[in-house]
Amino acid sequence: MMQRIRTVCLTMLILVPCASAGLAAEPVTINSLFAYPEAYKMKVVQVEGRVKNYRMNHFIGHNTKLEKCIQIFSIEDGTGIIDASYATICQMGTIMLKDGDEVTIEGHFLGALDVRSVKKH
């Protein structure tokens, strides 16, 4: 009986983090993020909109010697505008943005968006 309980517990320890990692972020408007900041703080959210004020910091990592790209931009969705940043390794198939791109971004809300994924439309 104890062996069965241990097996169930170990299975849950493995499956629960995998299930929560697979959950899609909830699409929200920028207006909602600013109207209810505590409800979204540190949560992964999805926002759709147009890229504005795009700029990029490009450098070689001191320790890793990898080419790094930090894309900094704003997203406007018709309800508001929010700043976002997207840090990646440049050579790894990074989606490079430009002003005017229509995108869906997913990231952690910290008053701005720390982007973890970008999809161009």
PDB file of N, CA and C in Angstrom:
ATOM      1  N   MET A   1       0.826  -1.195   0.000  1.00  0.00           N
ATOM      2  CA  MET A   1       0.000   0.000   0.000  1.00  0.00           C
ATOM      3  C   MET A   1       0.875   1.265   0.000  1.00  0.00           C
ATOM      4  N   MET A   2       1.900   1.307   0.824  1.00  0.00           N
ATOM      5  CA  MET A   2       2.790   2.477   0.881  1.00  0.00           C
ATOM      6  C   MET A   2       3.521   2.679  -0.448  1.00  0.00           C
ATOM      7  N   GLN A   3       3.884   1.565  -1.084  1.00  0.00           N
ATOM      8  CA  GLN A   3       4.557   1.659  -2.382  1.00  0.00           C
ATOM      9  C   GLN A   3       3.634   2.318  -3.414  1.00  0.00           C
ATOM     10  N   ARG A   4       2.362   1.955  -3.394  1.00  0.00           N
ATOM     11  CA  ARG A   4       1.390   2.520  -4.328  1.00  0.00           C
ATOM     12  C   ARG A   4       1.218   4.023  -4.073  1.00  0.00           C
ATOM     13  N   ILE A   5       1.169   4.423  -2.806  1.00  0.00           N
ATOM     14  CA  ILE A   5       1.034   5.841  -2.463  1.00  0.00           C
ATOM     15  C   ILE A   5       2.252   6.615  -2.944  1.00  0.00           C
ATOM     16  N   ARG A   6       3.442   6.060  -2.744  1.00  0.00           N
ATOM     17  CA  ARG A   6       4.666   6.715  -3.214  1.00  0.00           C
ATOM     18  C   ARG A   6       4.660   6.885  -4.729  1.00  0.00           C
ATOM     19  N   THR A   7       4.204   5.839  -5.430  1.00  0.00           N
ATOM     20  CA  THR A   7       4.156   5.900  -6.887  1.00  0.00           C
ATOM     21  C   THR A   7       3.201   6.999  -7.348  1.00  0.00           C
ATOM     22  N   VAL A   8       2.022   7.079  -6.723  1.00  0.00           N
ATOM     23  CA  VAL A   8       1.048   8.108  -7.075  1.00  0.00           C
ATOM     24  C   VAL A   8       1.621   9.498  -6.791  1.00  0.00           C
ATOM     25  N   CYS A   9       2.253   9.662  -5.637  1.00  0.00           N
ATOM     26  CA  CYS A   9       2.840  10.965  -5.280  1.00  0.00           C
ATOM     27  C   CYS A   9       3.936  11.368  -6.255  1.00  0.00           C
ATOM     28  N   LEU A  10       4.811  10.451  -6.611  1.00  0.00           N
ATOM     29  CA  LEU A  10       5.873  10.753  -7.567  1.00  0.00           C
ATOM     30  C   LEU A  10       5.299  11.097  -8.930  1.00  0.00           C
ATOM     31  N   THR A  11       4.286  10.387  -9.352  1.00  0.00           N
ATOM     32  CA  THR A  11       3.647  10.679 -10.634  1.00  0.00           C
ATOM     33  C   THR A  11       3.059  12.087 -10.626  1.00  0.00           C
ATOM     34  N   MET A  12       2.415  12.465  -9.525  1.00  0.00           N
ATOM     35  CA  MET A  12       1.834  13.803  -9.431  1.00  0.00           C
ATOM     36  C   MET A  12       2.911  14.872  -9.438  1.00  0.00           C
ATOM     37  N   LEU A  13       4.049  14.612  -8.782  1.00  0.00           N
ATOM     38  CA  LEU A  13       5.141  15.579  -8.781  1.00  0.00           C
ATOM     39  C   LEU A  13       5.678  15.816 -10.185  1.00  0.00           C
ATOM     40  N   ILE A  14       5.612  14.801 -11.023  1.00  0.00           N
ATOM     41  CA  ILE A  14       6.094  14.931 -12.387  1.00  0.00           C
ATOM     42  C   ILE A  14       5.045  15.583 -13.281  1.00  0.00           C
ATOM     43  N   LEU A  15       3.783  15.169 -13.156  1.00  0.00           N
ATOM     44  CA  LEU A  15       2.737  15.624 -14.073  1.00  0.00           C
ATOM     45  C   LEU A  15       2.207  17.016 -13.789  1.00  0.00           C
ATOM     46  N   VAL A  16       2.089  17.412 -12.543  1.00  0.00           N
ATOM     47  CA  VAL A  16       1.501  18.707 -12.221  1.00  0.00           C
ATOM     48  C   VAL A  16       2.316  19.858 -12.798  1.00  0.00           C
ATOM     49  N   PRO A  17       3.656  19.911 -12.632  1.00  0.00           N
ATOM     50  CA  PRO A  17       4.403  21.015 -13.260  1.00  0.00           C
ATOM     51  C   PRO A  17       4.299  20.996 -14.785  1.00  0.00           C
ATOM     52  N   CYS A  18       4.275  19.810 -15.378  1.00  0.00           N
ATOM     53  CA  CYS A  18       4.158  19.725 -16.838  1.00  0.00           C
ATOM     54  C   CYS A  18       2.809  20.247 -17.300  1.00  0.00           C
ATOM     55  N   ALA A  19       1.757  19.925 -16.588  1.00  0.00           N
ATOM     56  CA  ALA A  19       0.425  20.389 -16.965  1.00  0.00           C
ATOM     57  C   ALA A  19       0.322  21.896 -16.848  1.00  0.00           C
ATOM     58  N   SER A  20       0.842  22.472 -15.773  1.00  0.00           N
ATOM     59  CA  SER A  20       0.739  23.923 -15.616  1.00  0.00           C
ATOM     60  C   SER A  20       1.614  24.648 -16.620  1.00  0.00           C
ATOM     61  N   ALA A  21       2.747  24.061 -17.014  1.00  0.00           N
ATOM     62  CA  ALA A  21       3.613  24.695 -18.010  1.00  0.00           C
ATOM     63  C   ALA A  21       2.948  24.709 -19.377  1.00  0.00           C
ATOM     64  N   GLY A  22       2.061  23.751 -19.645  1.00  0.00           N
ATOM     65  CA  GLY A  22       1.410  23.668 -20.931  1.00  0.00           C
ATOM     66  C   GLY A  22       0.188  24.561 -21.059  1.00  0.00           C
ATOM     67  N   LEU A  23      -0.275  25.154 -19.981  1.00  0.00           N
ATOM     68  CA  LEU A  23      -1.458  25.996 -20.042  1.00  0.00           C
ATOM     69  C   LEU A  23      -1.153  27.271 -20.811  1.00  0.00           C
ATOM     70  N   ALA A  24      -2.058  27.623 -21.678  1.00  0.00           N
ATOM     71  CA  ALA A  24      -1.877  28.846 -22.457  1.00  0.00           C
ATOM     72  C   ALA A  24      -2.207  30.055 -21.596  1.00  0.00           C
ATOM     73  N   ALA A  25      -1.517  31.138 -21.869  1.00  0.00           N
ATOM     74  CA  ALA A  25      -1.799  32.386 -21.156  1.00  0.00           C
ATOM     75  C   ALA A  25      -3.170  32.897 -21.580  1.00  0.00           C
ATOM     76  N   GLU A  26      -3.807  33.621 -20.695  1.00  0.00           N
ATOM     77  CA  GLU A  26      -5.105  34.202 -20.980  1.00  0.00           C
ATOM     78  C   GLU A  26      -4.936  35.478 -21.798  1.00  0.00           C
ATOM     79  N   PRO A  27      -5.649  35.610 -22.937  1.00  0.00           N
ATOM     80  CA  PRO A  27      -5.572  36.864 -23.687  1.00  0.00           C
ATOM     81  C   PRO A  27      -6.262  37.989 -22.908  1.00  0.00           C
ATOM     82  N   VAL A  28      -5.589  39.125 -22.818  1.00  0.00           N
ATOM     83  CA  VAL A  28      -6.135  40.270 -22.085  1.00  0.00           C
ATOM     84  C   VAL A  28      -5.884  41.550 -22.885  1.00  0.00           C
ATOM     85  N   THR A  29      -6.660  42.571 -22.569  1.00  0.00           N
ATOM     86  CA  THR A  29      -6.417  43.878 -23.174  1.00  0.00           C
ATOM     87  C   THR A  29      -5.416  44.632 -22.306  1.00  0.00           C
ATOM     88  N   ILE A  30      -4.722  45.551 -22.900  1.00  0.00           N
ATOM     89  CA  ILE A  30      -3.753  46.356 -22.157  1.00  0.00           C
ATOM     90  C   ILE A  30      -4.473  47.188 -21.098  1.00  0.00           C
ATOM     91  N   ASN A  31      -5.641  47.690 -21.419  1.00  0.00           N
ATOM     92  CA  ASN A  31      -6.432  48.438 -20.459  1.00  0.00           C
ATOM     93  C   ASN A  31      -6.700  47.606 -19.198  1.00  0.00           C
ATOM     94  N   SER A  32      -6.994  46.312 -19.365  1.00  0.00           N
ATOM     95  CA  SER A  32      -7.241  45.428 -18.218  1.00  0.00           C
ATOM     96  C   SER A  32      -5.995  45.269 -17.343  1.00  0.00           C
ATOM     97  N   LEU A  33      -4.834  45.181 -17.987  1.00  0.00           N
ATOM     98  CA  LEU A  33      -3.590  45.037 -17.221  1.00  0.00           C
ATOM     99  C   LEU A  33      -3.389  46.224 -16.286  1.00  0.00           C
ATOM    100  N   PHE A  34      -3.658  47.425 -16.795  1.00  0.00           N
ATOM    101  CA  PHE A  34      -3.452  48.611 -15.979  1.00  0.00           C
ATOM    102  C   PHE A  34      -4.610  48.891 -15.027  1.00  0.00           C
ATOM    103  N   ALA A  35      -5.802  48.426 -15.368  1.00  0.00           N
ATOM    104  CA  ALA A  35      -6.957  48.611 -14.481  1.00  0.00           C
ATOM    105  C   ALA A  35      -6.877  47.694 -13.266  1.00  0.00           C
ATOM    106  N   TYR A  36      -6.298  46.491 -13.443  1.00  0.00           N
ATOM    107  CA  TYR A  36      -6.212  45.498 -12.366  1.00  0.00           C
ATOM    108  C   TYR A  36      -4.796  44.941 -12.253  1.00  0.00           C
ATOM    109  N   PRO A  37      -3.806  45.800 -11.986  1.00  0.00           N
ATOM    110  CA  PRO A  37      -2.405  45.345 -12.005  1.00  0.00           C
ATOM    111  C   PRO A  37      -2.104  44.244 -10.993  1.00  0.00           C
ATOM    112  N   GLU A  38      -2.710  44.273  -9.836  1.00  0.00           N
ATOM    113  CA  GLU A  38      -2.437  43.237  -8.827  1.00  0.00           C
ATOM    114  C   GLU A  38      -2.942  41.865  -9.257  1.00  0.00           C
ATOM    115  N   ALA A  39      -4.015  41.840 -10.039  1.00  0.00           N
ATOM    116  CA  ALA A  39      -4.570  40.567 -10.510  1.00  0.00           C
ATOM    117  C   ALA A  39      -3.644  39.891 -11.522  1.00  0.00           C
ATOM    118  N   TYR A  40      -2.856  40.681 -12.265  1.00  0.00           N
ATOM    119  CA  TYR A  40      -1.995  40.146 -13.309  1.00  0.00           C
ATOM    120  C   TYR A  40      -0.511  40.124 -12.935  1.00  0.00           C
ATOM    121  N   LYS A  41      -0.153  40.749 -11.825  1.00  0.00           N
ATOM    122  CA  LYS A  41       1.252  40.875 -11.436  1.00  0.00           C
ATOM    123  C   LYS A  41       1.942  39.512 -11.389  1.00  0.00           C
ATOM    124  N   MET A  42       3.049  39.402 -12.127  1.00  0.00           N
ATOM    125  CA  MET A  42       3.896  38.204 -12.205  1.00  0.00           C
ATOM    126  C   MET A  42       3.213  37.024 -12.907  1.00  0.00           C
ATOM    127  N   LYS A  43       2.052  37.253 -13.500  1.00  0.00           N
ATOM    128  CA  LYS A  43       1.368  36.186 -14.228  1.00  0.00           C
ATOM    129  C   LYS A  43       1.739  36.263 -15.701  1.00  0.00           C
ATOM    130  N   VAL A  44       1.659  35.129 -16.377  1.00  0.00           N
ATOM    131  CA  VAL A  44       1.881  35.100 -17.813  1.00  0.00           C
ATOM    132  C   VAL A  44       0.585  35.502 -18.494  1.00  0.00           C
ATOM    133  N   VAL A  45       0.672  36.518 -19.342  1.00  0.00           N
ATOM    134  CA  VAL A  45      -0.494  37.014 -20.076  1.00  0.00           C
ATOM    135  C   VAL A  45      -0.180  37.052 -21.563  1.00  0.00           C
ATOM    136  N   GLN A  46      -1.231  37.108 -22.359  1.00  0.00           N
ATOM    137  CA  GLN A  46      -1.101  37.197 -23.805  1.00  0.00           C
ATOM    138  C   GLN A  46      -1.763  38.498 -24.254  1.00  0.00           C
ATOM    139  N   VAL A  47      -1.062  39.252 -25.092  1.00  0.00           N
ATOM    140  CA  VAL A  47      -1.561  40.527 -25.599  1.00  0.00           C
ATOM    141  C   VAL A  47      -1.364  40.538 -27.112  1.00  0.00           C
ATOM    142  N   GLU A  48      -2.358  41.042 -27.829  1.00  0.00           N
ATOM    143  CA  GLU A  48      -2.254  41.213 -29.277  1.00  0.00           C
ATOM    144  C   GLU A  48      -2.242  42.697 -29.593  1.00  0.00           C
ATOM    145  N   GLY A  49      -1.421  43.085 -30.561  1.00  0.00           N
ATOM    146  CA  GLY A  49      -1.393  44.488 -30.933  1.00  0.00           C
ATOM    147  C   GLY A  49      -0.330  44.788 -31.965  1.00  0.00           C
ATOM    148  N   ARG A  50      -0.049  46.086 -32.119  1.00  0.00           N
ATOM    149  CA  ARG A  50       0.902  46.583 -33.114  1.00  0.00           C
ATOM    150  C   ARG A  50       2.166  47.084 -32.414  1.00  0.00           C
ATOM    151  N   VAL A  51       3.323  46.740 -32.973  1.00  0.00           N
ATOM    152  CA  VAL A  51       4.625  47.156 -32.434  1.00  0.00           C
ATOM    153  C   VAL A  51       4.853  48.636 -32.741  1.00  0.00           C
ATOM    154  N   LYS A  52       5.299  49.373 -31.715  1.00  0.00           N
ATOM    155  CA  LYS A  52       5.653  50.797 -31.859  1.00  0.00           C
ATOM    156  C   LYS A  52       6.960  51.038 -31.106  1.00  0.00           C
ATOM    157  N   ASN A  53       7.638  52.104 -31.447  1.00  0.00           N
ATOM    158  CA  ASN A  53       8.849  52.551 -30.733  1.00  0.00           C
ATOM    159  C   ASN A  53       9.896  51.449 -30.611  1.00  0.00           C
ATOM    160  N   TYR A  54      10.096  50.685 -31.671  1.00  0.00           N
ATOM    161  CA  TYR A  54      11.019  49.543 -31.649  1.00  0.00           C
ATOM    162  C   TYR A  54      12.481  49.994 -31.609  1.00  0.00           C
ATOM    163  N   ARG A  55      13.261  49.318 -30.797  1.00  0.00           N
ATOM    164  CA  ARG A  55      14.719  49.478 -30.773  1.00  0.00           C
ATOM    165  C   ARG A  55      15.338  48.177 -30.280  1.00  0.00           C
ATOM    166  N   MET A  56      16.611  47.992 -30.588  1.00  0.00           N
ATOM    167  CA  MET A  56      17.272  46.757 -30.200  1.00  0.00           C
ATOM    168  C   MET A  56      18.655  47.037 -29.631  1.00  0.00           C
ATOM    169  N   ASN A  57      18.971  46.363 -28.549  1.00  0.00           N
ATOM    170  CA  ASN A  57      20.325  46.353 -28.000  1.00  0.00           C
ATOM    171  C   ASN A  57      20.951  45.036 -28.434  1.00  0.00           C
ATOM    172  N   HIS A  58      22.109  45.127 -29.026  1.00  0.00           N
ATOM    173  CA  HIS A  58      22.785  43.969 -29.593  1.00  0.00           C
ATOM    174  C   HIS A  58      24.195  43.917 -29.011  1.00  0.00           C
ATOM    175  N   PHE A  59      24.568  42.765 -28.451  1.00  0.00           N
ATOM    176  CA  PHE A  59      25.907  42.663 -27.865  1.00  0.00           C
ATOM    177  C   PHE A  59      26.349  41.211 -27.799  1.00  0.00           C
ATOM    178  N   ILE A  60      27.632  41.019 -27.550  1.00  0.00           N
ATOM    179  CA  ILE A  60      28.212  39.691 -27.381  1.00  0.00           C
ATOM    180  C   ILE A  60      28.373  39.455 -25.883  1.00  0.00           C
ATOM    181  N   GLY A  61      27.853  38.331 -25.404  1.00  0.00           N
ATOM    182  CA  GLY A  61      27.956  38.001 -23.985  1.00  0.00           C
ATOM    183  C   GLY A  61      29.408  37.856 -23.556  1.00  0.00           C
ATOM    184  N   HIS A  62      29.738  38.428 -22.414  1.00  0.00           N
ATOM    185  CA  HIS A  62      31.121  38.409 -21.930  1.00  0.00           C
ATOM    186  C   HIS A  62      31.597  36.980 -21.645  1.00  0.00           C
ATOM    187  N   ASN A  63      30.811  36.205 -20.930  1.00  0.00           N
ATOM    188  CA  ASN A  63      31.215  34.843 -20.574  1.00  0.00           C
ATOM    189  C   ASN A  63      30.905  33.826 -21.661  1.00  0.00           C
ATOM    190  N   THR A  64      29.738  33.941 -22.276  1.00  0.00           N
ATOM    191  CA  THR A  64      29.298  32.923 -23.232  1.00  0.00           C
ATOM    192  C   THR A  64      29.775  33.169 -24.650  1.00  0.00           C
ATOM    193  N   LYS A  65      30.115  34.412 -24.968  1.00  0.00           N
ATOM    194  CA  LYS A  65      30.509  34.816 -26.323  1.00  0.00           C
ATOM    195  C   LYS A  65      29.393  34.600 -27.340  1.00  0.00           C
ATOM    196  N   LEU A  66      28.144  34.496 -26.872  1.00  0.00           N
ATOM    197  CA  LEU A  66      26.999  34.368 -27.757  1.00  0.00           C
ATOM    198  C   LEU A  66      26.457  35.744 -28.100  1.00  0.00           C
ATOM    199  N   GLU A  67      25.955  35.885 -29.330  1.00  0.00           N
ATOM    200  CA  GLU A  67      25.377  37.141 -29.781  1.00  0.00           C
ATOM    201  C   GLU A  67      23.969  37.266 -29.197  1.00  0.00           C
ATOM    202  N   LYS A  68      23.740  38.307 -28.403  1.00  0.00           N
ATOM    203  CA  LYS A  68      22.464  38.481 -27.720  1.00  0.00           C
ATOM    204  C   LYS A  68      21.721  39.683 -28.278  1.00  0.00           C
ATOM    205  N   CYS A  69      20.400  39.538 -28.353  1.00  0.00           N
ATOM    206  CA  CYS A  69      19.523  40.599 -28.842  1.00  0.00           C
ATOM    207  C   CYS A  69      18.466  40.876 -27.784  1.00  0.00           C
ATOM    208  N   ILE A  70      18.360  42.121 -27.390  1.00  0.00           N
ATOM    209  CA  ILE A  70      17.272  42.532 -26.508  1.00  0.00           C
ATOM    210  C   ILE A  70      16.428  43.514 -27.309  1.00  0.00           C
ATOM    211  N   GLN A  71      15.232  43.063 -27.681  1.00  0.00           N
ATOM    212  CA  GLN A  71      14.308  43.894 -28.446  1.00  0.00           C
ATOM    213  C   GLN A  71      13.393  44.612 -27.455  1.00  0.00           C
ATOM    214  N   ILE A  72      13.375  45.924 -27.540  1.00  0.00           N
ATOM    215  CA  ILE A  72      12.571  46.752 -26.643  1.00  0.00           C
ATOM    216  C   ILE A  72      11.566  47.497 -27.510  1.00  0.00           C
ATOM    217  N   PHE A  73      10.298  47.449 -27.114  1.00  0.00           N
ATOM    218  CA  PHE A  73       9.253  48.043 -27.940  1.00  0.00           C
ATOM    219  C   PHE A  73       8.003  48.286 -27.104  1.00  0.00           C
ATOM    220  N   SER A  74       7.019  48.915 -27.710  1.00  0.00           N
ATOM    221  CA  SER A  74       5.711  49.096 -27.101  1.00  0.00           C
ATOM    222  C   SER A  74       4.708  48.335 -27.940  1.00  0.00           C
ATOM    223  N   ILE A  75       3.619  47.917 -27.310  1.00  0.00           N
ATOM    224  CA  ILE A  75       2.507  47.267 -28.001  1.00  0.00           C
ATOM    225  C   ILE A  75       1.276  48.134 -27.787  1.00  0.00           C
ATOM    226  N   GLU A  76       0.556  48.397 -28.874  1.00  0.00           N
ATOM    227  CA  GLU A  76      -0.693  49.137 -28.791  1.00  0.00           C
ATOM    228  C   GLU A  76      -1.806  48.234 -29.302  1.00  0.00           C
ATOM    229  N   ASP A  77      -2.894  48.139 -28.512  1.00  0.00           N
ATOM    230  CA  ASP A  77      -3.991  47.245 -28.903  1.00  0.00           C
ATOM    231  C   ASP A  77      -5.339  47.949 -29.085  1.00  0.00           C
ATOM    232  N   GLY A  78      -5.363  49.258 -29.073  1.00  0.00           N
ATOM    233  CA  GLY A  78      -6.618  49.989 -29.203  1.00  0.00           C
ATOM    234  C   GLY A  78      -7.219  50.368 -27.864  1.00  0.00           C
ATOM    235  N   THR A  79      -6.800  49.682 -26.787  1.00  0.00           N
ATOM    236  CA  THR A  79      -7.271  50.040 -25.440  1.00  0.00           C
ATOM    237  C   THR A  79      -6.182  50.713 -24.633  1.00  0.00           C
ATOM    238  N   GLY A  80      -4.952  50.636 -25.130  1.00  0.00           N
ATOM    239  CA  GLY A  80      -3.823  51.215 -24.413  1.00  0.00           C
ATOM    240  C   GLY A  80      -2.514  50.821 -25.058  1.00  0.00           C
ATOM    241  N   ILE A  81      -1.440  51.202 -24.391  1.00  0.00           N
ATOM    242  CA  ILE A  81      -0.092  50.909 -24.879  1.00  0.00           C
ATOM    243  C   ILE A  81       0.748  50.461 -23.688  1.00  0.00           C
ATOM    244  N   ILE A  82       1.610  49.452 -23.909  1.00  0.00           N
ATOM    245  CA  ILE A  82       2.447  48.919 -22.842  1.00  0.00           C
ATOM    246  C   ILE A  82       3.839  48.660 -23.394  1.00  0.00           C
ATOM    247  N   ASP A  83       4.855  48.875 -22.554  1.00  0.00           N
ATOM    248  CA  ASP A  83       6.234  48.595 -22.932  1.00  0.00           C
ATOM    249  C   ASP A  83       6.516  47.105 -22.755  1.00  0.00           C
ATOM    250  N   ALA A  84       7.418  46.610 -23.603  1.00  0.00           N
ATOM    251  CA  ALA A  84       7.779  45.196 -23.558  1.00  0.00           C
ATOM    252  C   ALA A  84       9.246  45.039 -23.916  1.00  0.00           C
ATOM    253  N   SER A  85       9.846  43.953 -23.444  1.00  0.00           N
ATOM    254  CA  SER A  85      11.215  43.611 -23.834  1.00  0.00           C
ATOM    255  C   SER A  85      11.290  42.114 -24.080  1.00  0.00           C
ATOM    256  N   TYR A  86      12.106  41.748 -25.075  1.00  0.00           N
ATOM    257  CA  TYR A  86      12.233  40.364 -25.512  1.00  0.00           C
ATOM    258  C   TYR A  86      13.713  40.057 -25.676  1.00  0.00           C
ATOM    259  N   ALA A  87      14.273  39.298 -24.745  1.00  0.00           N
ATOM    260  CA  ALA A  87      15.707  38.970 -24.754  1.00  0.00           C
ATOM    261  C   ALA A  87      15.913  37.573 -25.325  1.00  0.00           C
ATOM    262  N   THR A  88      16.794  37.467 -26.331  1.00  0.00           N
ATOM    263  CA  THR A  88      17.068  36.182 -26.966  1.00  0.00           C
ATOM    264  C   THR A  88      18.525  36.102 -27.399  1.00  0.00           C
ATOM    265  N   ILE A  89      18.908  34.909 -27.818  1.00  0.00           N
ATOM    266  CA  ILE A  89      20.189  34.713 -28.479  1.00  0.00           C
ATOM    267  C   ILE A  89      19.906  34.880 -29.962  1.00  0.00           C
ATOM    268  N   CYS A  90      20.603  35.797 -30.615  1.00  0.00           N
ATOM    269  CA  CYS A  90      20.273  36.217 -31.975  1.00  0.00           C
ATOM    270  C   CYS A  90      20.276  35.078 -33.000  1.00  0.00           C
ATOM    271  N   GLN A  91      21.227  34.190 -32.954  1.00  0.00           N
ATOM    272  CA  GLN A  91      21.355  33.163 -33.981  1.00  0.00           C
ATOM    273  C   GLN A  91      20.368  32.013 -33.825  1.00  0.00           C
ATOM    274  N   MET A  92      19.548  32.012 -32.821  1.00  0.00           N
ATOM    275  CA  MET A  92      18.690  30.871 -32.530  1.00  0.00           C
ATOM    276  C   MET A  92      17.302  31.005 -33.161  1.00  0.00           C
ATOM    277  N   GLY A  93      17.194  31.558 -34.353  1.00  0.00           N
ATOM    278  CA  GLY A  93      15.920  31.677 -35.041  1.00  0.00           C
ATOM    279  C   GLY A  93      14.992  32.705 -34.417  1.00  0.00           C
ATOM    280  N   THR A  94      15.563  33.728 -33.845  1.00  0.00           N
ATOM    281  CA  THR A  94      14.799  34.773 -33.184  1.00  0.00           C
ATOM    282  C   THR A  94      13.901  35.506 -34.167  1.00  0.00           C
ATOM    283  N   ILE A  95      12.675  35.764 -33.760  1.00  0.00           N
ATOM    284  CA  ILE A  95      11.772  36.604 -34.546  1.00  0.00           C
ATOM    285  C   ILE A  95      12.205  38.048 -34.337  1.00  0.00           C
ATOM    286  N   MET A  96      12.610  38.690 -35.414  1.00  0.00           N
ATOM    287  CA  MET A  96      13.025  40.088 -35.347  1.00  0.00           C
ATOM    288  C   MET A  96      11.825  40.959 -35.704  1.00  0.00           C
ATOM    289  N   LEU A  97      11.525  41.905 -34.839  1.00  0.00           N
ATOM    290  CA  LEU A  97      10.362  42.767 -35.011  1.00  0.00           C
ATOM    291  C   LEU A  97      10.747  44.078 -35.683  1.00  0.00           C
ATOM    292  N   LYS A  98       9.712  44.830 -36.083  1.00  0.00           N
ATOM    293  CA  LYS A  98       9.908  46.188 -36.593  1.00  0.00           C
ATOM    294  C   LYS A  98       8.628  46.961 -36.310  1.00  0.00           C
ATOM    295  N   ASP A  99       8.717  48.278 -36.324  1.00  0.00           N
ATOM    296  CA  ASP A  99       7.535  49.116 -36.115  1.00  0.00           C
ATOM    297  C   ASP A  99       6.441  48.718 -37.103  1.00  0.00           C
ATOM    298  N   GLY A 100       5.221  48.629 -36.601  1.00  0.00           N
ATOM    299  CA  GLY A 100       4.074  48.311 -37.448  1.00  0.00           C
ATOM    300  C   GLY A 100       3.702  46.845 -37.488  1.00  0.00           C
ATOM    301  N   ASP A 101       4.580  45.950 -37.027  1.00  0.00           N
ATOM    302  CA  ASP A 101       4.257  44.522 -37.024  1.00  0.00           C
ATOM    303  C   ASP A 101       3.033  44.254 -36.136  1.00  0.00           C
ATOM    304  N   GLU A 102       2.123  43.409 -36.629  1.00  0.00           N
ATOM    305  CA  GLU A 102       0.999  42.925 -35.826  1.00  0.00           C
ATOM    306  C   GLU A 102       1.470  41.638 -35.164  1.00  0.00           C
ATOM    307  N   VAL A 103       1.391  41.592 -33.832  1.00  0.00           N
ATOM    308  CA  VAL A 103       1.938  40.452 -33.095  1.00  0.00           C
ATOM    309  C   VAL A 103       1.015  40.000 -31.971  1.00  0.00           C
ATOM    310  N   THR A 104       1.247  38.779 -31.546  1.00  0.00           N
ATOM    311  CA  THR A 104       0.707  38.269 -30.294  1.00  0.00           C
ATOM    312  C   THR A 104       1.921  37.963 -29.442  1.00  0.00           C
ATOM    313  N   ILE A 105       1.969  38.565 -28.258  1.00  0.00           N
ATOM    314  CA  ILE A 105       3.099  38.306 -27.366  1.00  0.00           C
ATOM    315  C   ILE A 105       2.584  37.668 -26.090  1.00  0.00           C
ATOM    316  N   GLU A 106       3.446  36.857 -25.516  1.00  0.00           N
ATOM    317  CA  GLU A 106       3.126  36.208 -24.256  1.00  0.00           C
ATOM    318  C   GLU A 106       4.293  36.478 -23.316  1.00  0.00           C
ATOM    319  N   GLY A 107       3.970  36.925 -22.117  1.00  0.00           N
ATOM    320  CA  GLY A 107       5.036  37.234 -21.180  1.00  0.00           C
ATOM    321  C   GLY A 107       4.528  37.524 -19.790  1.00  0.00           C
ATOM    322  N   HIS A 108       5.458  37.714 -18.881  1.00  0.00           N
ATOM    323  CA  HIS A 108       5.133  38.031 -17.491  1.00  0.00           C
ATOM    324  C   HIS A 108       4.839  39.518 -17.363  1.00  0.00           C
ATOM    325  N   PHE A 109       3.759  39.843 -16.656  1.00  0.00           N
ATOM    326  CA  PHE A 109       3.391  41.233 -16.443  1.00  0.00           C
ATOM    327  C   PHE A 109       4.047  41.739 -15.171  1.00  0.00           C
ATOM    328  N   LEU A 110       4.876  42.770 -15.330  1.00  0.00           N
ATOM    329  CA  LEU A 110       5.585  43.389 -14.211  1.00  0.00           C
ATOM    330  C   LEU A 110       5.432  44.910 -14.292  1.00  0.00           C
ATOM    331  N   GLY A 111       4.280  45.391 -14.756  1.00  0.00           N
ATOM    332  CA  GLY A 111       4.100  46.803 -15.068  1.00  0.00           C
ATOM    333  C   GLY A 111       4.448  47.046 -16.522  1.00  0.00           C
ATOM    334  N   ALA A 112       5.352  46.259 -17.046  1.00  0.00           N
ATOM    335  CA  ALA A 112       5.683  46.137 -18.463  1.00  0.00           C
ATOM    336  C   ALA A 112       5.631  44.638 -18.735  1.00  0.00           C
ATOM    337  N   LEU A 113       5.872  44.230 -19.971  1.00  0.00           N
ATOM    338  CA  LEU A 113       5.844  42.806 -20.295  1.00  0.00           C
ATOM    339  C   LEU A 113       7.253  42.279 -20.528  1.00  0.00           C
ATOM    340  N   ASP A 114       7.608  41.240 -19.785  1.00  0.00           N
ATOM    341  CA  ASP A 114       8.849  40.510 -20.005  1.00  0.00           C
ATOM    342  C   ASP A 114       8.467  39.353 -20.920  1.00  0.00           C
ATOM    343  N   VAL A 115       8.711  39.530 -22.217  1.00  0.00           N
ATOM    344  CA  VAL A 115       8.196  38.634 -23.239  1.00  0.00           C
ATOM    345  C   VAL A 115       8.959  37.320 -23.273  1.00  0.00           C
ATOM    346  N   ARG A 116       8.204  36.234 -23.380  1.00  0.00           N
ATOM    347  CA  ARG A 116       8.821  34.915 -23.521  1.00  0.00           C
ATOM    348  C   ARG A 116       8.553  34.302 -24.879  1.00  0.00           C
ATOM    349  N   SER A 117       7.522  34.783 -25.594  1.00  0.00           N
ATOM    350  CA  SER A 117       7.285  34.307 -26.957  1.00  0.00           C
ATOM    351  C   SER A 117       6.573  35.383 -27.778  1.00  0.00           C
ATOM    352  N   VAL A 118       6.872  35.366 -29.084  1.00  0.00           N
ATOM    353  CA  VAL A 118       6.298  36.328 -30.029  1.00  0.00           C
ATOM    354  C   VAL A 118       5.798  35.566 -31.249  1.00  0.00           C
ATOM    355  N   LYS A 119       4.629  35.961 -31.725  1.00  0.00           N
ATOM    356  CA  LYS A 119       4.095  35.406 -32.962  1.00  0.00           C
ATOM    357  C   LYS A 119       3.667  36.578 -33.839  1.00  0.00           C
ATOM    358  N   LYS A 120       4.242  36.657 -35.051  1.00  0.00           N
ATOM    359  CA  LYS A 120       3.848  37.698 -36.017  1.00  0.00           C
ATOM    360  C   LYS A 120       2.613  37.236 -36.763  1.00  0.00           C
ATOM    361  N   HIS A 121       1.765  38.209 -37.154  1.00  0.00           N
ATOM    362  CA  HIS A 121       0.564  37.888 -37.949  1.00  0.00           C
ATOM    363  C   HIS A 121       0.794  38.277 -39.388  1.00  0.00           C
TER     364      HIS A 121
END
